[in-house]
Amino acid sequence: MAALVLRPGCRLDGPALYRHVEQLLPPYARPRFLRLQERLAMTETFKQQKVRLAQEGCDPACVPDPLFLLDEATKAYVPLGPTRWQGVLDGHLRI
């Protein structure tokens, strides 16, 4: 998973981001999940709070931030809602 902060007034373009990631990263290094945040949570020493993000996971029922899933079939990052999340858990959607 990657946590992203978008510039004010911008929105995530799932297909364009997929193409960008596809050009720059090998398949094993592409983030399967994205989490959009208003700002990155930092420690007192200005380090990202990655442990907390990892502990929260990517269940849309538990995470308040918008989540996206790398969808190879549509070649885009698509919103991750409860239905898609259940598909991942059931093995119907491969990641």
C-alpha atoms as a PDB file:
ATOM      1  CA  MET A   1       0.000   0.000   0.000  1.00  0.00           C
ATOM      2  CA  ALA A   2       1.043   3.545  -0.672  1.00  0.00           C
ATOM      3  CA  ALA A   3      -0.318   6.598   1.127  1.00  0.00           C
ATOM      4  CA  LEU A   4      -0.762   9.641  -1.097  1.00  0.00           C
ATOM      5  CA  VAL A   5      -1.540  13.297  -0.533  1.00  0.00           C
ATOM      6  CA  LEU A   6      -2.981  15.054  -3.565  1.00  0.00           C
ATOM      7  CA  ARG A   7      -2.375  18.704  -4.312  1.00  0.00           C
ATOM      8  CA  PRO A   8      -5.321  20.961  -3.470  1.00  0.00           C
ATOM      9  CA  GLY A   9      -7.930  20.892  -6.220  1.00  0.00           C
ATOM     10  CA  CYS A  10      -6.569  17.703  -7.784  1.00  0.00           C
ATOM     11  CA  ARG A  11      -8.224  14.306  -7.933  1.00  0.00           C
ATOM     12  CA  LEU A  12      -6.871  10.829  -8.543  1.00  0.00           C
ATOM     13  CA  ASP A  13      -6.891   9.735 -12.188  1.00  0.00           C
ATOM     14  CA  GLY A  14      -6.844   5.943 -11.833  1.00  0.00           C
ATOM     15  CA  PRO A  15      -5.967   5.030 -15.453  1.00  0.00           C
ATOM     16  CA  ALA A  16      -3.242   7.695 -15.745  1.00  0.00           C
ATOM     17  CA  LEU A  17      -1.668   6.684 -12.444  1.00  0.00           C
ATOM     18  CA  TYR A  18      -1.734   3.042 -13.537  1.00  0.00           C
ATOM     19  CA  ARG A  19       0.101   3.907 -16.770  1.00  0.00           C
ATOM     20  CA  HIS A  20       2.668   5.957 -14.837  1.00  0.00           C
ATOM     21  CA  VAL A  21       3.314   3.193 -12.302  1.00  0.00           C
ATOM     22  CA  GLU A  22       3.427   0.570 -15.076  1.00  0.00           C
ATOM     23  CA  GLN A  23       6.182   2.508 -16.866  1.00  0.00           C
ATOM     24  CA  LEU A  24       8.315   3.105 -13.784  1.00  0.00           C
ATOM     25  CA  LEU A  25       7.956   0.006 -11.601  1.00  0.00           C
ATOM     26  CA  PRO A  26       8.241  -3.719 -12.192  1.00  0.00           C
ATOM     27  CA  PRO A  27       5.038  -5.677 -11.437  1.00  0.00           C
ATOM     28  CA  TYR A  28       6.203  -6.873  -8.016  1.00  0.00           C
ATOM     29  CA  ALA A  29       6.893  -3.295  -6.846  1.00  0.00           C
ATOM     30  CA  ARG A  30       3.589  -1.687  -7.888  1.00  0.00           C
ATOM     31  CA  PRO A  31       1.399  -0.720  -4.940  1.00  0.00           C
ATOM     32  CA  ARG A  32      -1.736  -2.861  -4.952  1.00  0.00           C
ATOM     33  CA  PHE A  33      -3.572  -0.500  -2.620  1.00  0.00           C
ATOM     34  CA  LEU A  34      -3.594   3.297  -2.387  1.00  0.00           C
ATOM     35  CA  ARG A  35      -4.768   5.373   0.538  1.00  0.00           C
ATOM     36  CA  LEU A  36      -5.546   9.043  -0.033  1.00  0.00           C
ATOM     37  CA  GLN A  37      -4.902  11.288   2.918  1.00  0.00           C
ATOM     38  CA  GLU A  38      -5.316  15.004   3.533  1.00  0.00           C
ATOM     39  CA  ARG A  39      -1.845  15.065   5.072  1.00  0.00           C
ATOM     40  CA  LEU A  40       0.767  12.488   6.006  1.00  0.00           C
ATOM     41  CA  ALA A  41       0.857  11.567   9.679  1.00  0.00           C
ATOM     42  CA  MET A  42       4.301  12.357  11.062  1.00  0.00           C
ATOM     43  CA  THR A  43       6.133  11.614  14.291  1.00  0.00           C
ATOM     44  CA  GLU A  44       7.762  14.295  16.432  1.00  0.00           C
ATOM     45  CA  THR A  45      10.984  13.705  14.483  1.00  0.00           C
ATOM     46  CA  PHE A  46       9.235  14.174  11.102  1.00  0.00           C
ATOM     47  CA  LYS A  47       9.124  10.511  10.119  1.00  0.00           C
ATOM     48  CA  GLN A  48       6.060   8.967   8.515  1.00  0.00           C
ATOM     49  CA  GLN A  49       3.899   6.878  10.832  1.00  0.00           C
ATOM     50  CA  LYS A  50       4.054   3.790   8.644  1.00  0.00           C
ATOM     51  CA  VAL A  51       3.513   1.322  11.477  1.00  0.00           C
ATOM     52  CA  ARG A  52       0.142   2.853  12.358  1.00  0.00           C
ATOM     53  CA  LEU A  53      -0.940   2.802   8.710  1.00  0.00           C
ATOM     54  CA  ALA A  54       0.106  -0.838   8.375  1.00  0.00           C
ATOM     55  CA  GLN A  55      -1.791  -1.771  11.540  1.00  0.00           C
ATOM     56  CA  GLU A  56      -4.954  -0.087  10.256  1.00  0.00           C
ATOM     57  CA  GLY A  57      -4.750  -2.163   7.069  1.00  0.00           C
ATOM     58  CA  CYS A  58      -6.946  -1.642   4.025  1.00  0.00           C
ATOM     59  CA  ASP A  59     -10.432  -2.715   5.095  1.00  0.00           C
ATOM     60  CA  PRO A  60     -12.739   0.064   3.844  1.00  0.00           C
ATOM     61  CA  ALA A  61     -15.028  -0.503   6.837  1.00  0.00           C
ATOM     62  CA  CYS A  62     -12.180   0.367   9.233  1.00  0.00           C
ATOM     63  CA  VAL A  63     -10.177   2.995   7.333  1.00  0.00           C
ATOM     64  CA  PRO A  64     -11.704   6.480   7.116  1.00  0.00           C
ATOM     65  CA  ASP A  65      -9.587   7.557   4.119  1.00  0.00           C
ATOM     66  CA  PRO A  66     -10.494   6.806   0.477  1.00  0.00           C
ATOM     67  CA  LEU A  67      -8.889   3.559  -0.691  1.00  0.00           C
ATOM     68  CA  PHE A  68      -8.076   2.394  -4.213  1.00  0.00           C
ATOM     69  CA  LEU A  69      -7.166  -1.005  -5.646  1.00  0.00           C
ATOM     70  CA  LEU A  70      -4.858  -1.776  -8.559  1.00  0.00           C
ATOM     71  CA  ASP A  71      -7.151  -3.472 -11.094  1.00  0.00           C
ATOM     72  CA  GLU A  72      -5.140  -5.234 -13.780  1.00  0.00           C
ATOM     73  CA  ALA A  73      -8.274  -6.034 -15.812  1.00  0.00           C
ATOM     74  CA  THR A  74      -9.219  -2.382 -16.321  1.00  0.00           C
ATOM     75  CA  LYS A  75      -5.627  -1.107 -16.125  1.00  0.00           C
ATOM     76  CA  ALA A  76      -6.547   1.489 -13.520  1.00  0.00           C
ATOM     77  CA  TYR A  77      -6.664   2.192  -9.827  1.00  0.00           C
ATOM     78  CA  VAL A  78     -10.326   1.799  -8.873  1.00  0.00           C
ATOM     79  CA  PRO A  79     -12.143   2.767  -5.653  1.00  0.00           C
ATOM     80  CA  LEU A  80     -12.018   0.026  -3.032  1.00  0.00           C
ATOM     81  CA  GLY A  81     -15.409  -0.332  -1.413  1.00  0.00           C
ATOM     82  CA  PRO A  82     -16.896  -3.118   0.720  1.00  0.00           C
ATOM     83  CA  THR A  83     -17.950  -5.190  -2.318  1.00  0.00           C
ATOM     84  CA  ARG A  84     -14.499  -5.158  -3.943  1.00  0.00           C
ATOM     85  CA  TRP A  85     -12.851  -5.759  -0.562  1.00  0.00           C
ATOM     86  CA  GLN A  86     -15.019  -8.842  -0.053  1.00  0.00           C
ATOM     87  CA  GLY A  87     -13.997 -10.006  -3.526  1.00  0.00           C
ATOM     88  CA  VAL A  88     -10.347  -9.709  -2.505  1.00  0.00           C
ATOM     89  CA  LEU A  89     -10.979 -11.640   0.712  1.00  0.00           C
ATOM     90  CA  ASP A  90     -12.924 -14.358  -1.125  1.00  0.00           C
ATOM     91  CA  GLY A  91     -10.234 -14.671  -3.792  1.00  0.00           C
ATOM     92  CA  HIS A  92     -12.502 -13.546  -6.646  1.00  0.00           C
ATOM     93  CA  LEU A  93     -10.307 -10.489  -7.244  1.00  0.00           C
ATOM     94  CA  ARG A  94      -6.641 -11.309  -7.552  1.00  0.00           C
ATOM     95  CA  ILE A  95      -4.096  -8.829  -6.307  1.00  0.00           C
END
